[in-house]
């Protein structure tokens, strides 16, 4: 057992033992090895050195430690063997289980929720993201207040009682946390109102929105960079993007559209995190087209698709069959270049008869032009011809019609008390026509 600061913060470069509990009857349909690999990716995403990782089958969960006595001893021995100062349990631990494991193992122990919170805290950059992280962290922390009091005390410059805090001090800390959470919720509501205002302004701007969604590490940020040329973090890390990033792009038949890159989905995201970070996904509900980016070369790709569609269904983006409710959903089969010839041939046959599927490689650029063509077609689909009379001097409005629709004809249309008029015959989708009508709103 080492003399370590168990209550200390998780630090980059720390050596960790990653343990994935395989609880009988849970996570059916998921490959435990794939789950372990994801857990390793989560650790690497925050700069932790994974000294060793493995799966521990659990027949009966122990209420005090989750693992059996022999399994706890194995973890303790391996920590000494691999010089690990941190143990990551890829599952949920109760406050009692976490405290008991730390006491027995002599190392800091964090569970899946704690690890994801660490990642979110490091990667949140916008005001909303930071508020969401702190709120979720406090919600998680308040149930662990007994074991975490020393850390809170250090933050406040506390008195360092030798025997630990009394109940009165713990209750005071709980009140501080509750008050802080209430303040954060008020601030978050104000940020959301501002965000909604910005969203409405985008609707009036007006340009169509294309939202990229997908599992962590599916290649969304790489595709975003390929289509926009933007310098967005696209490391091979889980949760490389936390806050939505938006850029304007041009498409065939569409002068300008907004491409939105959002936080990646992950299996078994803890409930309190789903609620806290829901607003980061609200951009998807306002999208004109949703691009579901899949890592088609991942052995777990079918299960990942199921998890993404489940969240999109909760958001009201897709129906129970996985079809878009208010906007079309395109499945982008990314990492096509990583498939062998047989797999490519088989999947190409499927994609050939399904116009909602497009195979691409964001790295090599294969299929990107076909994706751009498909997006342009979708955004101009269902257009109807409108005869619109505008002041001849309103060059901006006439230019808008040329940019957002297919102008069939344009001619003089007499004059009114303000001056000459022009009639523009233009094909516009219903959504674009609605945007046009809001130009003066």
Protein backbone atom coordinates (compact mmCIF):
# COMPACT_ATOMS: atom_id res chain seq x y z
CA UNK A 1 0.00 0.00 0.00
CA UNK A 2 1.40 3.40 -0.93
CA UNK A 3 1.24 6.63 0.98
CA UNK A 4 -0.82 8.63 -1.51
CA UNK A 5 -3.19 11.54 -1.32
CA UNK A 6 -6.39 9.60 -1.87
CA UNK A 7 -8.50 12.76 -1.73
CA UNK A 8 -6.35 14.52 -4.35
CA UNK A 9 -7.40 15.54 -7.82
CA UNK A 10 -6.96 13.36 -10.90
CA UNK A 11 -3.81 14.60 -12.61
CA UNK A 12 -2.62 14.25 -16.19
CA UNK A 13 0.12 11.68 -16.53
CA UNK A 14 -1.10 9.64 -13.55
CA UNK A 15 -0.61 5.88 -13.91
CA UNK A 16 -3.90 4.04 -13.64
CA UNK A 17 -5.34 0.56 -13.45
CA UNK A 18 -8.56 0.34 -15.48
CA UNK A 19 -11.00 -2.33 -14.29
CA UNK A 20 -14.18 -3.17 -16.17
CA UNK A 21 -16.67 -5.08 -13.99
CA UNK A 22 -18.66 -7.54 -16.13
CA UNK A 23 -21.82 -7.90 -14.09
CA UNK A 24 -23.93 -10.91 -14.99
CA UNK A 25 -27.25 -9.94 -16.54
CA UNK A 26 -26.17 -6.41 -17.47
CA UNK A 27 -25.06 -4.80 -20.75
CA UNK A 28 -26.44 -7.61 -22.86
CA UNK A 29 -25.46 -7.31 -26.50
CA UNK A 30 -22.23 -5.47 -25.70
CA UNK A 31 -18.81 -6.98 -26.11
CA UNK A 32 -16.95 -6.71 -22.77
CA UNK A 33 -13.67 -6.31 -24.65
CA UNK A 34 -15.10 -3.39 -26.64
CA UNK A 35 -16.37 -1.91 -23.40
CA UNK A 36 -12.90 -2.21 -21.87
CA UNK A 37 -11.34 -0.55 -24.91
CA UNK A 38 -13.79 2.33 -24.55
CA UNK A 39 -12.87 2.69 -20.87
CA UNK A 40 -9.19 2.86 -21.85
CA UNK A 41 -10.08 5.55 -24.38
CA UNK A 42 -11.88 7.56 -21.71
CA UNK A 43 -8.79 7.43 -19.50
CA UNK A 44 -6.47 8.41 -22.35
CA UNK A 45 -8.78 11.31 -23.20
CA UNK A 46 -7.73 13.06 -20.01
CA UNK A 47 -4.05 12.25 -20.30
CA UNK A 48 -3.99 9.30 -17.90
CA UNK A 49 -1.38 6.59 -18.50
CA UNK A 50 -3.12 3.19 -18.53
CA UNK A 51 -0.62 0.90 -16.80
CA UNK A 52 -2.88 -2.15 -17.07
CA UNK A 53 -6.52 -2.92 -17.81
CA UNK A 54 -8.73 -5.99 -17.57
CA UNK A 55 -12.25 -7.32 -17.09
CA UNK A 56 -13.42 -8.79 -13.78
CA UNK A 57 -16.55 -10.99 -13.98
CA UNK A 58 -18.96 -10.34 -11.12
CA UNK A 59 -21.60 -12.90 -10.21
CA UNK A 60 -22.94 -11.16 -7.11
CA UNK A 61 -22.33 -7.47 -6.38
CA UNK A 62 -20.96 -6.82 -2.89
CA UNK A 63 -22.79 -3.84 -1.33
CA UNK A 64 -19.67 -2.60 0.47
CA UNK A 65 -17.03 -2.97 -2.25
CA UNK A 66 -18.80 -4.21 -5.43
CA UNK A 67 -16.01 -6.79 -5.87
CA UNK A 68 -15.30 -9.90 -3.83
CA UNK A 69 -12.45 -9.96 -1.31
CA UNK A 70 -10.12 -11.88 -3.62
CA UNK A 71 -10.84 -9.50 -6.49
CA UNK A 72 -10.07 -6.47 -4.31
CA UNK A 73 -6.80 -8.11 -3.31
CA UNK A 74 -5.94 -8.68 -6.98
CA UNK A 75 -6.53 -5.00 -7.75
CA UNK A 76 -4.37 -4.00 -4.77
CA UNK A 77 -1.54 -6.31 -5.83
CA UNK A 78 -1.69 -5.11 -9.43
CA UNK A 79 -1.54 -1.47 -8.31
CA UNK A 80 1.74 -2.24 -6.57
CA UNK A 81 3.01 -4.34 -9.49
CA UNK A 82 2.25 -1.71 -12.15
CA UNK A 83 2.95 1.28 -9.87
CA UNK A 84 -0.58 2.61 -10.41
CA UNK A 85 -1.64 5.57 -8.28
CA UNK A 86 -5.21 5.61 -9.55
CA UNK A 87 -7.90 2.94 -10.04
CA UNK A 88 -10.65 3.55 -12.59
CA UNK A 89 -13.74 1.38 -12.22
CA UNK A 90 -15.75 1.38 -15.46
CA UNK A 91 -19.10 1.28 -13.72
CA UNK A 92 -21.13 3.03 -11.05
CA UNK A 93 -19.88 2.98 -7.47
CA UNK A 94 -21.91 4.05 -4.46
CA UNK A 95 -20.19 6.52 -2.10
CA UNK A 96 -19.69 3.69 0.42
CA UNK A 97 -18.18 1.37 -2.20
CA UNK A 98 -15.84 4.09 -3.41
CA UNK A 99 -14.69 4.97 0.12
CA UNK A 100 -14.19 1.33 1.11
CA UNK A 101 -12.23 0.50 -2.04
CA UNK A 102 -9.95 3.48 -1.49
CA UNK A 103 -9.34 2.37 2.10
CA UNK A 104 -8.57 -1.23 1.12
CA UNK A 105 -6.53 -0.49 -2.00
CA UNK A 106 -4.79 2.62 -0.69
CA UNK A 107 -5.22 4.50 -3.97
CA UNK A 108 -7.63 7.06 -5.29
CA UNK A 109 -10.62 5.32 -6.91
CA UNK A 110 -12.98 6.94 -9.39
CA UNK A 111 -15.93 5.42 -11.17
CA UNK A 112 -17.21 5.95 -14.70
CA UNK A 113 -19.26 9.04 -13.80
CA UNK A 114 -16.32 10.65 -12.02
CA UNK A 115 -14.03 10.00 -14.98
CA UNK A 116 -16.47 11.44 -17.52
CA UNK A 117 -16.93 14.50 -15.31
CA UNK A 118 -13.15 14.98 -15.31
CA UNK A 119 -13.16 14.88 -19.12
CA UNK A 120 -16.11 17.24 -19.43
CA UNK A 121 -14.48 19.63 -16.97
CA UNK A 122 -11.27 19.73 -18.99
CA UNK A 123 -12.91 20.13 -22.39
CA UNK A 124 -15.84 22.49 -21.71
CA UNK A 125 -15.00 25.87 -23.22
CA UNK A 126 -18.26 27.82 -23.57
CA UNK A 127 -20.13 29.46 -20.71
CA UNK A 128 -22.94 26.91 -21.00
CA UNK A 129 -20.55 23.98 -21.05
CA UNK A 130 -18.71 25.16 -17.95
CA UNK A 131 -21.97 25.75 -16.07
CA UNK A 132 -23.23 22.31 -17.03
CA UNK A 133 -20.01 20.67 -15.90
CA UNK A 134 -20.03 22.37 -12.51
CA UNK A 135 -23.71 21.62 -11.96
CA UNK A 136 -23.27 17.96 -12.84
CA UNK A 137 -20.15 17.74 -10.68
CA UNK A 138 -21.89 19.23 -7.63
CA UNK A 139 -24.86 16.92 -8.12
CA UNK A 140 -22.46 13.98 -8.14
CA UNK A 141 -20.33 15.36 -5.31
CA UNK A 142 -23.08 16.06 -2.79
CA UNK A 143 -23.75 12.35 -2.27
CA UNK A 144 -20.04 11.86 -1.63
CA UNK A 145 -19.66 14.76 0.76
CA UNK A 146 -18.45 12.67 3.70
CA UNK A 147 -15.44 11.29 1.84
CA UNK A 148 -14.76 14.51 -0.02
CA UNK A 149 -14.95 16.96 2.88
CA UNK A 150 -11.16 17.28 3.14
CA UNK A 151 -11.01 18.43 -0.48
CA UNK A 152 -13.79 20.97 0.07
CA UNK A 153 -12.01 22.20 3.18
CA UNK A 154 -8.80 22.77 1.23
CA UNK A 155 -10.71 24.75 -1.36
CA UNK A 156 -12.11 27.04 1.37
CA UNK A 157 -8.88 27.21 3.35
CA UNK A 158 -10.55 25.27 6.18
CA UNK A 159 -9.44 24.67 9.75
CA UNK A 160 -8.03 21.15 9.36
CA UNK A 161 -9.83 19.42 12.25
CA UNK A 162 -7.79 16.40 13.32
CA UNK A 163 -10.79 14.18 13.83
CA UNK A 164 -12.57 15.16 10.66
CA UNK A 165 -15.68 17.32 10.26
CA UNK A 166 -18.70 17.06 12.48
CA UNK A 167 -22.23 16.64 11.22
CA UNK A 168 -22.86 20.38 11.56
CA UNK A 169 -20.01 21.22 9.19
CA UNK A 170 -21.13 18.57 6.69
CA UNK A 171 -24.65 19.99 6.73
CA UNK A 172 -23.20 23.46 6.18
CA UNK A 173 -21.28 22.14 3.19
CA UNK A 174 -24.44 20.55 1.84
CA UNK A 175 -26.24 23.88 2.11
CA UNK A 176 -23.36 25.58 0.30
CA UNK A 177 -23.61 23.02 -2.49
CA UNK A 178 -27.40 23.36 -2.74
CA UNK A 179 -27.15 27.15 -2.86
CA UNK A 180 -24.43 26.99 -5.51
CA UNK A 181 -26.47 24.54 -7.60
CA UNK A 182 -29.52 26.81 -7.42
CA UNK A 183 -27.39 29.76 -8.60
CA UNK A 184 -25.92 27.66 -11.42
CA UNK A 185 -29.38 26.61 -12.58
CA UNK A 186 -30.45 30.26 -12.76
CA UNK A 187 -27.33 31.16 -14.72
CA UNK A 188 -27.78 28.17 -17.00
CA UNK A 189 -31.38 29.15 -17.72
CA UNK A 190 -30.20 32.62 -18.74
CA UNK A 191 -27.54 31.12 -21.01
CA UNK A 192 -30.16 28.84 -22.57
CA UNK A 193 -32.42 31.82 -23.26
CA UNK A 194 -29.51 33.56 -24.97
CA UNK A 195 -28.80 30.37 -26.91
CA UNK A 196 -32.44 30.13 -27.98
CA UNK A 197 -32.33 33.75 -29.11
CA UNK A 198 -29.24 33.00 -31.18
CA UNK A 199 -30.99 29.95 -32.64
CA UNK A 200 -34.00 32.07 -33.63
CA UNK A 201 -31.68 34.62 -35.18
CA UNK A 202 -30.08 31.86 -37.22
CA UNK A 203 -33.57 30.92 -38.40
CA UNK A 204 -34.06 34.49 -39.52
CA UNK A 205 -30.51 34.89 -40.91
CA UNK A 206 -31.49 32.56 -42.56
CA UNK A 207 -29.47 29.47 -43.48
CA UNK A 208 -30.25 25.77 -43.16
CA UNK A 209 -28.54 23.86 -40.33
CA UNK A 210 -26.82 20.48 -40.75
CA UNK A 211 -26.06 18.71 -37.46
CA UNK A 212 -23.34 16.08 -37.09
CA UNK A 213 -24.16 13.47 -34.46
CA UNK A 214 -22.55 10.17 -33.65
CA UNK A 215 -20.74 7.96 -31.25
CA UNK A 216 -17.53 9.16 -29.64
CA UNK A 217 -14.55 8.72 -31.95
CA UNK A 218 -16.74 8.07 -35.00
CA UNK A 219 -14.90 10.83 -36.87
CA UNK A 220 -17.35 13.72 -36.62
CA UNK A 221 -14.73 16.39 -35.99
CA UNK A 222 -12.54 15.04 -38.80
CA UNK A 223 -15.51 15.19 -41.18
CA UNK A 224 -16.32 18.69 -39.91
CA UNK A 225 -12.76 19.78 -40.72
CA UNK A 226 -12.90 18.10 -44.13
CA UNK A 227 -16.09 19.96 -45.07
CA UNK A 228 -15.27 23.36 -43.56
CA UNK A 229 -11.50 23.60 -43.36
CA UNK A 230 -11.93 24.65 -39.73
CA UNK A 231 -9.29 23.89 -37.12
CA UNK A 232 -11.46 21.90 -34.73
CA UNK A 233 -9.93 19.48 -32.24
CA UNK A 234 -10.04 16.08 -33.95
CA UNK A 235 -7.65 14.01 -31.88
CA UNK A 236 -8.16 10.28 -31.57
CA UNK A 237 -9.76 10.82 -28.18
CA UNK A 238 -13.20 10.17 -26.81
CA UNK A 239 -15.18 13.38 -26.22
CA UNK A 240 -12.76 15.43 -28.34
CA UNK A 241 -15.64 17.89 -28.80
CA UNK A 242 -17.87 18.90 -25.90
CA UNK A 243 -19.53 22.13 -27.00
CA UNK A 244 -21.26 22.48 -30.38
CA UNK A 245 -19.05 24.11 -32.99
CA UNK A 246 -20.59 25.81 -36.02
CA UNK A 247 -19.21 26.92 -39.36
CA UNK A 248 -20.74 28.11 -42.63
CA UNK A 249 -20.29 25.93 -45.72
CA UNK A 250 -21.41 26.03 -49.34
CA UNK A 251 -23.16 23.10 -51.05
CA UNK A 252 -24.37 22.35 -54.59
CA UNK A 253 -27.49 24.47 -55.06
CA UNK A 254 -27.13 25.99 -51.58
CA UNK A 255 -25.12 29.19 -51.22
CA UNK A 256 -24.64 28.85 -47.47
CA UNK A 257 -25.51 26.31 -44.77
CA UNK A 258 -24.46 25.96 -41.13
CA UNK A 259 -22.61 22.78 -40.16
CA UNK A 260 -22.82 21.98 -36.44
CA UNK A 261 -20.48 19.53 -34.69
CA UNK A 262 -21.78 18.25 -31.34
CA UNK A 263 -20.57 16.23 -28.36
CA UNK A 264 -20.24 12.51 -29.02
CA UNK A 265 -22.60 9.92 -27.63
CA UNK A 266 -21.36 7.18 -25.33
CA UNK A 267 -22.81 3.95 -23.96
CA UNK A 268 -24.40 4.05 -20.51
CA UNK A 269 -23.87 7.77 -20.03
CA UNK A 270 -24.84 8.34 -16.39
CA UNK A 271 -28.36 9.71 -16.00
CA UNK A 272 -27.32 12.91 -14.24
CA UNK A 273 -24.93 13.68 -17.10
CA UNK A 274 -27.56 13.10 -19.78
CA UNK A 275 -29.82 15.62 -18.06
CA UNK A 276 -27.05 18.13 -17.41
CA UNK A 277 -25.68 18.04 -20.95
CA UNK A 278 -28.98 17.75 -22.81
CA UNK A 279 -28.77 21.39 -23.93
CA UNK A 280 -25.57 20.69 -25.86
CA UNK A 281 -27.64 18.42 -28.09
CA UNK A 282 -30.57 20.81 -28.56
CA UNK A 283 -28.95 22.13 -31.74
CA UNK A 284 -29.85 18.79 -33.30
CA UNK A 285 -33.58 19.38 -32.76
CA UNK A 286 -33.39 22.60 -34.80
CA UNK A 287 -31.47 21.04 -37.70
CA UNK A 288 -32.72 20.82 -41.28
CA UNK A 289 -30.63 17.68 -41.87
CA UNK A 290 -29.03 15.32 -39.36
CA UNK A 291 -25.85 13.46 -40.30
CA UNK A 292 -25.44 10.35 -38.15
CA UNK A 293 -21.71 9.62 -38.45
CA UNK A 294 -20.85 5.97 -37.79
CA UNK A 295 -17.48 4.28 -37.44
CA UNK A 296 -18.42 1.51 -39.84
CA UNK A 297 -15.13 -0.31 -39.21
CA UNK A 298 -15.79 -0.66 -35.48
CA UNK A 299 -16.85 -4.21 -34.49
CA UNK A 300 -19.46 -2.67 -32.15
CA UNK A 301 -20.91 -0.34 -34.81
CA UNK A 302 -24.42 -1.89 -34.71
CA UNK A 303 -24.66 -1.48 -30.94
CA UNK A 304 -23.34 2.07 -31.20
CA UNK A 305 -26.00 2.90 -33.78
CA UNK A 306 -28.68 1.56 -31.45
CA UNK A 307 -27.45 3.77 -28.60
CA UNK A 308 -27.30 6.91 -30.73
CA UNK A 309 -30.80 6.36 -32.12
CA UNK A 310 -32.11 5.80 -28.58
CA UNK A 311 -30.88 9.24 -27.51
CA UNK A 312 -32.13 10.89 -30.72
CA UNK A 313 -35.52 9.28 -30.08
CA UNK A 314 -35.58 10.77 -26.56
CA UNK A 315 -34.85 14.18 -28.09
CA UNK A 316 -37.71 13.72 -30.57
CA UNK A 317 -35.37 13.80 -33.56
CA UNK A 318 -36.22 10.29 -34.82
CA UNK A 319 -39.23 8.02 -34.43
CA UNK A 320 -39.21 4.48 -33.04
CA UNK A 321 -38.11 3.17 -36.44
CA UNK A 322 -35.12 5.53 -36.46
CA UNK A 323 -36.56 7.76 -39.18
CA UNK A 324 -36.26 11.54 -38.96
CA UNK A 325 -39.35 13.25 -37.53
CA UNK A 326 -38.93 16.87 -38.67
CA UNK A 327 -35.70 16.54 -40.64
CA UNK A 328 -34.13 13.79 -42.76
CA UNK A 329 -31.37 11.69 -41.19
CA UNK A 330 -28.44 10.48 -43.32
CA UNK A 331 -26.25 7.65 -42.08
CA UNK A 332 -22.64 8.47 -42.92
CA UNK A 333 -20.53 5.31 -42.87
CA UNK A 334 -17.16 6.78 -41.99
CA UNK A 335 -13.72 5.09 -41.90
CA UNK A 336 -14.56 3.25 -45.13
CA UNK A 337 -10.83 3.13 -45.86
CA UNK A 338 -10.27 0.84 -42.85
CA UNK A 339 -12.48 -1.96 -44.21
CA UNK A 340 -11.07 -4.91 -46.11
CA UNK A 341 -12.17 -5.60 -49.69
CA UNK A 342 -14.82 -8.18 -48.77
CA UNK A 343 -16.46 -5.95 -46.16
CA UNK A 344 -16.47 -2.99 -48.54
CA UNK A 345 -18.12 -5.05 -51.27
CA UNK A 346 -20.82 -6.34 -48.92
CA UNK A 347 -21.62 -2.93 -47.43
CA UNK A 348 -21.45 -1.19 -50.81
CA UNK A 349 -24.29 -3.43 -51.96
CA UNK A 350 -26.40 -2.31 -49.00
CA UNK A 351 -25.59 1.37 -49.51
CA UNK A 352 -26.41 1.14 -53.23
CA UNK A 353 -30.09 0.42 -52.52
CA UNK A 354 -30.49 2.79 -49.55
CA UNK A 355 -30.31 6.49 -50.36
CA UNK A 356 -30.16 7.36 -46.65
CA UNK A 357 -26.72 5.73 -46.37
CA UNK A 358 -23.44 7.13 -47.69
CA UNK A 359 -20.01 5.46 -47.28
CA UNK A 360 -17.15 7.93 -46.83
CA UNK A 361 -13.66 8.39 -45.45
CA UNK A 362 -13.17 11.74 -43.76
CA UNK A 363 -9.43 11.05 -43.75
CA UNK A 364 -8.93 10.28 -47.47
CA UNK A 365 -11.86 12.34 -48.78
CA UNK A 366 -13.53 9.36 -50.46
CA UNK A 367 -17.30 9.90 -50.78
CA UNK A 368 -17.20 13.52 -49.55
CA UNK A 369 -18.37 14.99 -52.86
CA UNK A 370 -21.27 12.50 -52.99
CA UNK A 371 -22.20 13.58 -49.46
CA UNK A 372 -22.16 17.25 -50.49
CA UNK A 373 -24.36 16.48 -53.50
CA UNK A 374 -26.80 14.54 -51.32
CA UNK A 375 -27.02 17.37 -48.79
CA UNK A 376 -27.63 19.90 -51.53
CA UNK A 377 -30.41 17.74 -52.97
CA UNK A 378 -32.08 17.27 -49.57
CA UNK A 379 -31.98 20.97 -48.75
CA UNK A 380 -33.59 21.93 -52.07
CA UNK A 381 -36.05 19.01 -52.18
CA UNK A 382 -39.75 19.83 -52.33
CA UNK A 383 -39.21 23.33 -53.71
CA UNK A 384 -42.20 25.18 -55.16
CA UNK A 385 -42.29 28.13 -57.53
CA UNK A 386 -43.16 31.51 -56.02
CA UNK A 387 -43.66 34.82 -57.81
CA UNK A 388 -42.24 37.43 -55.47
CA UNK A 389 -42.45 41.18 -56.09
CA UNK A 390 -39.71 43.25 -54.46
CA UNK A 391 -38.47 46.84 -54.75
CA UNK A 392 -36.00 47.05 -57.63
CA UNK A 393 -33.64 48.94 -55.31
CA UNK A 394 -33.57 46.10 -52.75
CA UNK A 395 -30.50 44.35 -54.10
CA UNK A 396 -29.92 42.44 -50.86
CA UNK A 397 -33.34 40.78 -51.00
CA UNK A 398 -32.98 39.89 -54.67
CA UNK A 399 -29.51 38.47 -53.96
CA UNK A 400 -30.98 36.43 -51.09
CA UNK A 401 -33.51 34.83 -53.46
CA UNK A 402 -30.73 33.98 -55.91
CA UNK A 403 -28.63 32.49 -53.11
CA UNK A 404 -31.35 30.41 -51.45
CA UNK A 405 -33.53 29.37 -54.35
CA UNK A 406 -33.54 28.56 -58.04
CA UNK A 407 -34.46 31.75 -59.89
CA UNK A 408 -36.47 30.82 -63.00
CA UNK A 409 -37.18 34.33 -64.25
CA UNK A 410 -36.88 37.98 -63.28
CA UNK A 411 -38.51 41.05 -64.87
CA UNK A 412 -39.79 44.56 -64.23
CA UNK A 413 -43.16 44.70 -62.45
CA UNK A 414 -44.22 48.34 -62.63
CA UNK A 415 -43.86 50.64 -59.66
CA UNK A 416 -45.50 51.71 -56.43
CA UNK A 417 -45.28 54.91 -54.39
CA UNK A 418 -41.76 53.96 -53.27
CA UNK A 419 -40.33 53.31 -56.71
CA UNK A 420 -39.82 50.61 -59.38
CA UNK A 421 -40.60 46.96 -58.62
CA UNK A 422 -39.25 43.65 -59.90
CA UNK A 423 -40.94 40.25 -60.01
CA UNK A 424 -38.74 37.26 -59.26
CA UNK A 425 -40.01 33.76 -60.11
CA UNK A 426 -38.08 31.46 -57.82
CA UNK A 427 -38.26 27.87 -56.60
CA UNK A 428 -38.00 27.70 -52.79
CA UNK A 429 -38.59 24.97 -50.26
CA UNK A 430 -41.35 25.68 -47.75
CA UNK A 431 -38.74 26.17 -45.04
CA UNK A 432 -36.74 28.63 -47.16
CA UNK A 433 -39.91 30.51 -48.07
CA UNK A 434 -40.73 30.75 -44.37
CA UNK A 435 -37.27 32.14 -43.76
CA UNK A 436 -37.76 34.66 -46.54
CA UNK A 437 -40.99 35.86 -44.96
CA UNK A 438 -39.14 36.37 -41.67
CA UNK A 439 -36.52 38.69 -43.17
CA UNK A 440 -38.52 41.71 -42.04
CA UNK A 441 -39.78 40.11 -38.81
